[in-house]
Protein backbone atom coordinates (compact mmCIF):
# COMPACT_ATOMS: atom_id res chain seq x y z
CA MET A 1 -0.09 0.27 -0.02
CA LYS A 2 0.91 3.68 -0.54
CA PRO A 3 1.40 6.36 2.47
CA GLN A 4 -1.06 8.42 0.56
CA ALA A 5 -3.97 5.84 1.80
CA LEU A 6 -3.54 7.19 5.21
CA GLN A 7 -5.49 10.12 4.30
CA VAL A 8 -8.74 8.08 4.05
CA LEU A 9 -8.34 4.61 5.70
CA SER A 10 -10.02 4.38 9.21
CA CYS A 11 -9.95 1.96 12.12
CA PRO A 12 -12.89 -0.86 11.35
CA ASN A 13 -13.65 -0.25 15.39
CA CYS A 14 -13.83 3.46 15.77
CA LEU A 15 -13.61 4.23 12.22
CA GLY A 16 -11.15 6.89 13.43
CA PRO A 17 -7.51 7.98 12.03
CA VAL A 18 -5.01 5.66 11.52
CA GLU A 19 -1.21 5.65 11.49
CA ALA A 20 1.59 3.51 9.59
CA VAL A 21 4.05 1.17 11.14
CA TYR A 22 7.13 0.35 9.38
CA SER A 23 9.24 -2.98 9.30
CA GLY A 24 11.93 -0.99 10.61
CA PRO A 25 13.76 2.65 10.97
CA GLY A 26 14.44 4.25 7.60
CA THR A 27 12.06 1.68 5.66
CA ALA A 28 9.31 2.00 3.42
CA GLU A 29 7.54 -1.28 4.01
CA ILE A 30 4.47 -1.00 5.73
CA THR A 31 3.51 -3.75 8.22
CA ALA A 32 0.49 -2.55 10.23
CA LEU A 33 -1.89 0.38 10.83
CA ARG A 34 -2.24 1.86 14.10
CA CYS A 35 -5.72 3.46 15.53
CA LEU A 36 -4.71 6.54 16.97
CA ARG A 37 -7.47 6.43 19.41
CA GLU A 38 -7.34 2.89 20.45
CA ASP A 39 -3.86 1.84 19.88
CA LEU A 40 -5.14 -1.20 18.09
CA GLN A 41 -2.92 -2.49 15.33
CA PHE A 42 -4.23 -4.07 11.96
CA GLN A 43 -1.76 -6.00 9.75
CA VAL A 44 -0.99 -5.36 6.14
CA LEU A 45 -0.46 -8.75 4.62
CA ASP A 46 1.30 -8.53 1.25
CA GLY A 47 0.04 -4.73 0.63
CA ILE A 48 -3.57 -5.42 1.85
CA PRO A 49 -4.43 -3.67 4.89
CA MET A 50 -6.57 -6.10 7.21
CA LEU A 51 -9.52 -3.80 8.25
CA VAL A 52 -11.81 -6.38 9.37
CA ARG A 53 -12.98 -5.93 13.34
CA ALA A 54 -11.68 -8.54 15.51
CA ASP A 55 -14.79 -9.72 16.52
CA ARG A 56 -16.08 -10.32 12.91
CA ILE A 57 -12.69 -12.43 11.53
CA ALA A 58 -13.76 -16.00 12.18
CA SER A 59 -17.45 -15.25 10.87
CA VAL A 60 -16.07 -13.43 7.43
CA GLU A 61 -13.41 -16.16 7.04
CA ALA A 62 -15.96 -19.01 7.32
CA PHE A 63 -18.26 -17.00 5.01
CA VAL A 64 -15.66 -16.52 2.61
CA GLY A 65 -14.67 -20.29 2.22
CA SER A 66 -18.10 -21.45 1.47
CA PHE A 67 -18.73 -18.55 -1.00
CA SER A 68 -15.54 -19.05 -2.76
CA ALA A 69 -15.92 -23.00 -2.99
CA ALA A 70 -19.82 -22.50 -4.33
CA TRP A 71 -18.88 -19.76 -7.20
CA GLU A 72 -15.53 -21.73 -8.64
CA LYS A 73 -18.04 -25.03 -8.53
CA ASP A 74 -20.91 -22.65 -10.49
CA GLY A 75 -17.86 -21.49 -13.34
CA TRP A 76 -16.53 -18.44 -11.78
CA GLY A 77 -13.04 -17.39 -11.53
CA CYS A 78 -9.85 -18.07 -12.79
CA PRO A 79 -6.03 -17.24 -11.60
CA ASP A 80 -4.70 -17.21 -15.60
CA ASP A 81 -3.34 -13.45 -15.83
CA SER A 82 -4.57 -13.23 -19.37
CA TYR A 83 -8.13 -14.20 -18.46
CA LEU A 84 -8.49 -11.57 -15.48
CA LEU A 85 -6.62 -8.62 -17.63
CA ASP A 86 -9.24 -9.50 -20.61
CA LEU A 87 -12.23 -8.86 -17.95
CA PRO A 88 -15.26 -7.91 -18.79
CA TYR A 89 -15.22 -7.88 -22.37
CA ARG A 90 -14.00 -11.46 -22.84
CA ASP A 91 -13.87 -14.60 -20.86
CA SER A 92 -11.30 -16.53 -22.17
CA THR A 93 -12.92 -19.65 -19.89
CA HIS A 94 -16.12 -19.19 -22.04
CA ARG A 95 -17.91 -20.18 -18.91
CA ARG A 96 -19.32 -17.19 -18.22
CA ALA A 97 -19.42 -15.40 -21.38
CA SER A 98 -22.84 -14.45 -21.75
CA GLU A 99 -22.98 -12.56 -17.98
CA TRP A 100 -19.91 -10.95 -19.17
CA ARG A 101 -20.98 -9.45 -21.79
CA VAL A 102 -23.43 -8.02 -19.72
CA LYS A 103 -21.12 -6.46 -17.26
CA ALA A 104 -19.13 -4.92 -19.91
CA ARG A 105 -22.18 -3.24 -21.00
CA SER A 106 -23.17 -1.95 -17.46
CA MET A 107 -19.27 -1.12 -17.19
CA GLU A 108 -19.46 1.36 -20.03
CA ALA A 109 -22.63 3.19 -18.82
CA LEU A 110 -21.13 3.30 -15.49
CA LEU A 111 -17.87 5.07 -17.30
CA ARG A 112 -20.53 7.51 -19.02
CA ILE A 113 -21.88 8.65 -15.59
CA LEU A 114 -18.23 9.26 -14.14
CA GLU A 115 -17.24 11.58 -17.28
CA ILE A 116 -19.98 14.08 -15.54
CA VAL A 117 -19.58 13.32 -11.79
CA GLN A 118 -16.56 14.86 -9.73
CA SER A 119 -14.71 11.26 -9.42
CA SER A 120 -10.93 11.25 -8.59
CA ARG A 121 -11.37 8.73 -5.49
CA VAL A 122 -13.66 5.89 -5.81
CA VAL A 123 -14.50 3.36 -3.70
CA ASP A 124 -14.87 -0.56 -5.51
CA LEU A 125 -16.98 -1.84 -2.69
CA GLY A 126 -17.39 -5.43 -3.11
CA SER A 127 -14.47 -5.56 -5.76
CA GLY A 128 -13.97 -9.35 -6.03
CA ASN A 129 -10.65 -9.80 -8.14
CA GLY A 130 -10.38 -6.00 -8.87
CA TRP A 131 -11.69 -6.18 -12.96
CA LEU A 132 -13.36 -2.88 -12.14
CA ALA A 133 -10.80 -0.93 -10.24
CA HIS A 134 -8.31 -1.90 -12.56
CA ARG A 135 -10.72 -0.45 -15.13
CA LEU A 136 -11.59 2.55 -13.31
CA ALA A 137 -7.70 3.11 -12.38
CA LEU A 138 -6.46 3.00 -16.29
CA LEU A 139 -8.83 6.20 -16.45
CA GLY A 140 -6.87 7.94 -13.81
CA ARG A 141 -8.94 7.54 -10.80
CA GLU A 142 -7.40 7.02 -6.97
CA VAL A 143 -9.19 3.42 -6.44
CA TYR A 144 -9.82 1.88 -3.41
CA ALA A 145 -11.12 -1.95 -3.95
CA VAL A 146 -12.70 -3.40 -0.88
CA ASP A 147 -13.72 -7.11 -0.47
CA ILE A 148 -13.49 -10.03 2.02
CA LEU A 149 -12.50 -12.55 -0.39
CA ARG A 150 -8.65 -12.75 -0.72
CA ASP A 151 -7.78 -15.65 -2.84
CA ASN A 152 -6.24 -15.79 -6.58
CA ARG A 153 -9.59 -16.46 -8.63
CA LEU A 154 -12.28 -14.70 -6.79
CA GLY A 155 -10.65 -12.42 -4.64
CA LEU A 156 -7.93 -9.75 -3.35
CA ALA A 157 -4.98 -11.98 -4.60
CA ALA A 158 -6.04 -12.19 -7.79
CA ALA A 159 -5.63 -8.38 -8.37
CA LYS A 160 -2.06 -8.73 -8.20
CA VAL A 161 -2.05 -9.13 -12.09
CA PHE A 162 -3.63 -5.71 -12.15
CA LEU A 163 -1.32 -4.03 -10.02
CA ARG A 164 1.63 -5.47 -12.28
CA ALA A 165 0.02 -4.31 -15.45
CA GLY A 166 -0.46 -1.08 -13.52
CA PRO A 167 -1.76 1.40 -12.91
CA HIS A 168 -1.64 0.88 -9.21
CA PHE A 169 -4.70 0.79 -7.15
CA GLU A 170 -5.39 -0.05 -3.08
CA ARG A 171 -6.48 -3.29 -1.75
CA ILE A 172 -7.96 -3.38 1.44
CA TRP A 173 -9.69 -6.69 3.36
CA GLY A 174 -13.06 -5.18 4.66
CA GLU A 175 -16.89 -5.48 4.92
CA LEU A 176 -19.62 -4.16 3.04
CA GLU A 177 -21.30 -3.21 6.44
CA ARG A 178 -17.93 -1.25 7.87
CA PRO A 179 -16.15 0.21 4.68
CA PRO A 180 -13.00 1.21 6.69
CA PHE A 181 -13.00 5.19 5.55
CA ARG A 182 -13.04 8.30 7.37
CA ASP A 183 -16.15 10.47 7.01
CA GLU A 184 -16.69 12.27 3.80
CA SER A 185 -13.64 10.93 2.36
CA MET A 186 -14.51 9.65 -1.11
CA ASP A 187 -16.06 11.29 -4.59
CA VAL A 188 -17.68 7.74 -5.63
CA VAL A 189 -18.92 4.92 -3.96
CA ILE A 190 -19.75 1.74 -6.74
CA CYS A 191 -21.48 -1.65 -5.45
CA ASN A 192 -20.80 -3.88 -8.50
CA ALA A 193 -22.55 -7.28 -8.10
CA SER A 194 -22.26 -6.96 -4.42
CA LEU A 195 -25.18 -5.06 -2.73
CA HIS A 196 -27.34 -7.77 -2.90
CA TYR A 197 -24.89 -9.64 -0.35
CA ALA A 198 -25.39 -6.92 2.35
CA THR A 199 -26.40 -8.73 5.44
CA ASN A 200 -27.94 -5.40 6.34
CA LEU A 201 -29.24 -3.37 3.57
CA GLU A 202 -29.98 -0.32 5.19
CA GLN A 203 -26.57 -0.10 7.53
CA VAL A 204 -24.41 -0.44 4.07
CA ILE A 205 -26.40 2.14 2.73
CA SER A 206 -25.92 4.61 5.61
CA GLU A 207 -22.14 3.59 5.99
CA VAL A 208 -21.77 4.75 2.16
CA ALA A 209 -23.49 8.02 2.76
CA ARG A 210 -21.06 8.51 5.61
CA VAL A 211 -17.71 7.86 3.43
CA LEU A 212 -19.12 10.24 0.65
CA ARG A 213 -18.71 13.79 0.63
CA PRO A 214 -21.57 16.16 0.24
CA SER A 215 -21.30 16.08 -3.81
CA GLY A 216 -20.45 12.38 -3.80
CA VAL A 217 -22.59 10.10 -5.87
CA PHE A 218 -23.50 6.29 -4.90
CA ILE A 219 -23.83 3.80 -7.94
CA VAL A 220 -25.17 0.04 -7.72
CA LEU A 221 -24.65 -2.14 -10.92
CA ASN A 222 -25.15 -5.91 -11.35
CA SER A 223 -27.71 -6.96 -8.93
CA PRO A 224 -30.54 -8.60 -9.37
CA VAL A 225 -33.67 -6.30 -9.46
CA HIS A 226 -37.37 -7.08 -10.03
CA ASN A 227 -40.15 -4.40 -10.64
CA ASP A 228 -42.50 -7.15 -9.42
CA ARG A 229 -42.02 -8.10 -5.54
CA ARG A 230 -43.47 -11.69 -6.05
CA SER A 231 -41.09 -12.24 -8.95
CA ALA A 232 -38.16 -11.36 -6.35
CA THR A 233 -39.08 -13.68 -3.54
CA GLN A 234 -39.55 -16.74 -6.26
CA ALA A 235 -36.24 -15.61 -8.02
CA GLN A 236 -34.39 -15.04 -4.60
CA THR A 237 -36.03 -18.51 -3.40
CA GLU A 238 -34.81 -20.85 -6.56
CA PHE A 239 -31.18 -19.09 -6.75
CA ARG A 240 -30.67 -19.83 -2.63
CA THR A 241 -31.66 -23.44 -3.47
CA ARG A 242 -29.14 -23.37 -6.28
CA LEU A 243 -26.41 -22.43 -4.30
CA GLU A 244 -27.45 -25.01 -1.74
CA ARG A 245 -26.73 -27.71 -4.49
CA LEU A 246 -23.74 -26.12 -4.94
CA GLY A 247 -23.02 -26.78 -1.28
CA ALA A 248 -22.94 -23.25 0.22
CA THR A 249 -23.41 -23.04 3.87
CA PRO A 250 -26.71 -21.69 5.05
CA ASP A 251 -24.78 -18.09 5.99
CA VAL A 252 -23.88 -17.77 2.35
CA VAL A 253 -27.33 -18.76 1.06
CA THR A 254 -29.21 -16.68 3.09
CA ARG A 255 -26.99 -13.54 2.41
CA TYR A 256 -27.94 -13.58 -1.38
CA HIS A 257 -30.81 -11.27 -2.60
CA HIS A 258 -33.12 -10.19 -5.18
CA PHE A 259 -34.56 -6.84 -4.65
CA ALA A 260 -37.88 -5.41 -5.49
CA ARG A 261 -37.11 -2.20 -7.05
CA SER A 262 -39.14 0.06 -5.31
CA GLU A 263 -38.00 -1.42 -1.84
CA LEU A 264 -34.32 -1.11 -3.08
CA GLU A 265 -34.89 2.63 -4.03
CA ALA A 266 -36.94 3.25 -1.09
CA ALA A 267 -33.92 2.18 1.34
CA ILE A 268 -31.64 4.10 -0.92
CA SER A 269 -33.55 7.10 -0.28
CA THR A 270 -33.36 6.93 3.24
CA SER A 271 -29.89 8.63 3.11
CA PHE A 272 -29.52 9.75 -0.39
CA ASN A 273 -31.69 12.74 -2.14
CA ASN A 274 -33.01 10.26 -5.19
CA VAL A 275 -32.35 7.77 -7.20
CA VAL A 276 -31.83 7.75 -11.08
CA ALA A 277 -31.87 4.81 -13.32
CA ALA A 278 -28.69 5.37 -15.94
CA PRO A 279 -29.51 4.55 -19.42
CA PHE A 280 -28.44 0.91 -19.92
CA ASN A 281 -28.85 -1.76 -22.59
CA PRO A 282 -27.46 -5.08 -21.61
CA GLY A 283 -28.04 -6.34 -25.21
CA THR A 284 -30.96 -7.64 -27.41
CA LEU A 285 -30.27 -11.23 -27.11
CA PHE A 286 -30.41 -10.82 -22.93
CA ARG A 287 -33.68 -8.74 -22.95
CA TRP A 288 -35.58 -11.18 -25.54
CA THR A 289 -34.17 -14.29 -23.72
CA ARG A 290 -35.46 -13.02 -20.32
CA MET A 291 -38.58 -12.16 -21.60
CA LEU A 292 -39.53 -15.13 -23.14
CA LYS A 293 -38.57 -16.99 -20.19
CA GLY A 294 -40.53 -15.19 -18.27
CA ILE A 295 -43.58 -15.83 -20.14
CA ALA A 296 -42.78 -19.56 -20.19
CA THR A 297 -42.57 -19.67 -16.11
CA GLY A 298 -44.99 -17.16 -15.15
CA ILE A 299 -42.54 -14.59 -13.45
CA GLU A 300 -40.66 -11.36 -14.25
CA PHE A 301 -36.79 -12.13 -14.44
CA ALA A 302 -34.40 -9.73 -12.90
CA SER A 303 -32.79 -7.09 -14.65
CA PHE A 304 -29.37 -5.23 -13.76
CA PRO A 305 -30.29 -1.82 -13.74
CA VAL A 306 -27.44 0.73 -13.12
CA LEU A 307 -28.78 3.00 -10.00
CA CYS A 308 -27.08 6.56 -9.34
CA ALA A 309 -28.06 8.01 -6.06
CA THR A 310 -26.92 11.40 -4.74
CA LYS A 311 -26.54 13.59 -1.72
CA THR A 312 -27.13 17.26 -3.09
CA ASP A 313 -29.66 18.27 -5.67
CA SER A 314 -27.36 19.98 -8.22
CA VAL A 315 -25.77 16.53 -9.48
CA ARG A 316 -29.14 14.83 -8.93
CA HIS A 317 -30.28 17.59 -11.94
CA SER A 318 -27.05 16.67 -14.09
CA LEU A 319 -27.86 13.26 -13.97
CA LYS A 320 -31.21 13.31 -14.78
CA ALA A 321 -30.73 16.02 -17.56
CA TRP A 322 -27.90 13.51 -18.85
CA LYS A 323 -30.41 10.79 -18.76
CA GLN A 324 -32.93 12.58 -20.49
CA HIS A 325 -30.06 13.80 -23.69
CA SER A 326 -29.12 9.92 -23.63
CA GLN A 327 -32.90 8.75 -24.03
CA ARG A 328 -33.27 11.18 -27.04
CA SER A 329 -29.95 10.89 -28.52
CA THR A 330 -30.96 6.79 -28.82
CA GLY A 331 -34.74 7.16 -29.36
CA ARG A 332 -35.69 5.56 -26.71
């Protein structure tokens, strides 16, 4: 990790400032972070600050083991350098190619949003292997990738491939519900395919609002959302059954959610002024396939909208004006 990260990182216990502990006099290697309020120390392993509360480590590690095993069994992840560097535009394993095509389109929608908002310092909250953090760093952003996964297929260890390729971004071992950053230290917080694993949705949203500056933007993408509440409940039940068949523990299974859009937007609006859906086309094949499956099964299949939430009206108005312009330009 780089010393500049100390300006924004915080103790996961009290959320106060931390200072670096170096390996020895005159060295630049940071081996731990020390909380200035409580005199607690948190290790830095392989450049990753370990910012999970001590009383949470055992349950986090149990969750991680089951989660990683289930998703690897389901065809996600690969430690190969070329696979990682090609994401999200190409899945060289060909196991999840259609899903990655949608993720590539959602990322392009995200990047169009970042063109119109102040976004020099960005958190990828629930970053997985860091593919999005890498793409954001390539655009010159100061990026912090946070996740509880640390393996070399789905987690923070895999991100070493991106760091070798450059440019640099920070990796932090931390939880969705307790992002270890100082108050009002970030311009943008992104939950990319991660918010639907929140154990407490309202707490995650409140914490995101805490770390964002007044002009900050919260963006959610690649989470399953339904307009119909009944369909959300049914799809969630079916996917949880699938996770059970993959051998996931009850903790992993019960953390997986499908959102009813009205409920998700209402939860976000408790901490933000409003929610705007960005123009996003997941592709004709994706839309038609899901529509036909929905007709056949009698439920509404999930969509994966790109949702933006802001604290201030000025930013919200800019996003809404941009959305209207985008819709007119595309005839939608």
